[in-house]
Amino acid sequence: MPAIVGAVKVISIGSSSIFNIGDVYAMSPYSSAKTFAGGGSFNTGDGIRIDLYQSDTDIYDKDNVDQVVTGL
């Protein structure tokens, strides 16, 4: 159903966001990310103690692209 839209102010849109005004059948944002983290990086909670002393995250990635995102 059509709508009348007044003034719109867009402050920020992220890289995998969609901004739409009007009728739409389907929306599919695309994004891709690669994350490298050492031991204990994603721990959450109260009172967590991690003793890693010597911790390294060594990365060897011979290809530059793991999964190509197309259709943007």
Protein backbone atom coordinates (compact mmCIF):
# COMPACT_ATOMS: atom_id res chain seq x y z
CA MET A 1 0.00 0.00 0.00
CA PRO A 2 1.54 3.34 -0.99
CA ALA A 3 2.36 5.85 1.72
CA ILE A 4 3.14 9.55 1.83
CA VAL A 5 6.50 10.14 3.49
CA GLY A 6 7.61 13.51 4.78
CA ALA A 7 11.17 14.69 5.36
CA VAL A 8 13.74 11.99 6.08
CA LYS A 9 17.12 12.59 7.72
CA VAL A 10 19.68 9.80 7.41
CA ILE A 11 22.53 10.10 9.91
CA SER A 12 24.46 6.96 9.11
CA ILE A 13 24.15 3.75 7.11
CA GLY A 14 26.48 0.81 7.71
CA SER A 15 28.17 -1.23 5.02
CA SER A 16 25.63 -4.06 5.17
CA SER A 17 22.55 -1.91 5.82
CA ILE A 18 19.52 -1.23 3.68
CA PHE A 19 17.67 2.09 3.50
CA ASN A 20 14.30 1.90 1.81
CA ILE A 21 11.35 4.23 1.41
CA GLY A 22 8.36 2.79 -0.38
CA ASP A 23 7.06 -0.62 -1.31
CA VAL A 24 9.48 -3.51 -1.38
CA TYR A 25 9.10 -7.25 -1.94
CA ALA A 26 12.33 -8.51 -0.40
CA MET A 27 15.52 -6.99 1.00
CA SER A 28 18.80 -8.85 1.39
CA PRO A 29 21.87 -7.05 2.74
CA TYR A 30 25.24 -8.57 1.87
CA SER A 31 28.37 -8.44 3.98
CA SER A 32 31.48 -10.47 4.61
CA ALA A 33 34.00 -10.39 7.46
CA LYS A 34 37.06 -12.25 8.65
CA THR A 35 38.02 -12.13 12.32
CA PHE A 36 41.29 -13.18 13.93
CA ALA A 37 41.56 -13.28 17.71
CA GLY A 38 43.78 -14.89 20.30
CA GLY A 39 42.87 -17.12 23.21
CA GLY A 40 40.34 -15.59 25.59
CA SER A 41 39.35 -12.80 23.22
CA PHE A 42 35.60 -13.40 23.16
CA ASN A 43 35.04 -14.25 26.83
CA THR A 44 32.27 -12.30 28.52
CA GLY A 45 30.97 -12.23 32.07
CA ASP A 46 31.82 -11.02 35.55
CA GLY A 47 35.00 -12.09 37.29
CA ILE A 48 36.70 -13.91 34.42
CA ARG A 49 40.44 -14.43 34.89
CA ILE A 50 42.58 -15.58 32.01
CA ASP A 51 46.31 -16.31 32.33
CA LEU A 52 47.76 -16.81 28.85
CA TYR A 53 51.22 -15.31 29.41
CA GLN A 54 52.67 -15.82 25.92
CA SER A 55 49.77 -15.87 23.45
CA ASP A 56 50.17 -15.24 19.72
CA THR A 57 47.67 -15.34 16.88
CA ASP A 58 49.66 -16.27 13.79
CA ILE A 59 47.86 -15.85 10.49
CA TYR A 60 48.92 -17.41 7.20
CA ASP A 61 46.29 -16.87 4.53
CA LYS A 62 47.64 -17.56 1.04
CA ASP A 63 44.48 -16.44 -0.74
CA ASN A 64 43.29 -12.84 -0.57
CA VAL A 65 39.59 -13.58 -0.99
CA ASP A 66 37.81 -16.36 0.93
CA GLN A 67 34.22 -15.73 -0.14
CA VAL A 68 33.36 -13.20 -2.81
CA VAL A 69 30.24 -11.12 -2.15
CA THR A 70 28.59 -10.20 -5.45
CA GLY A 71 25.40 -8.54 -6.50
CA LEU A 72 26.01 -5.30 -4.67
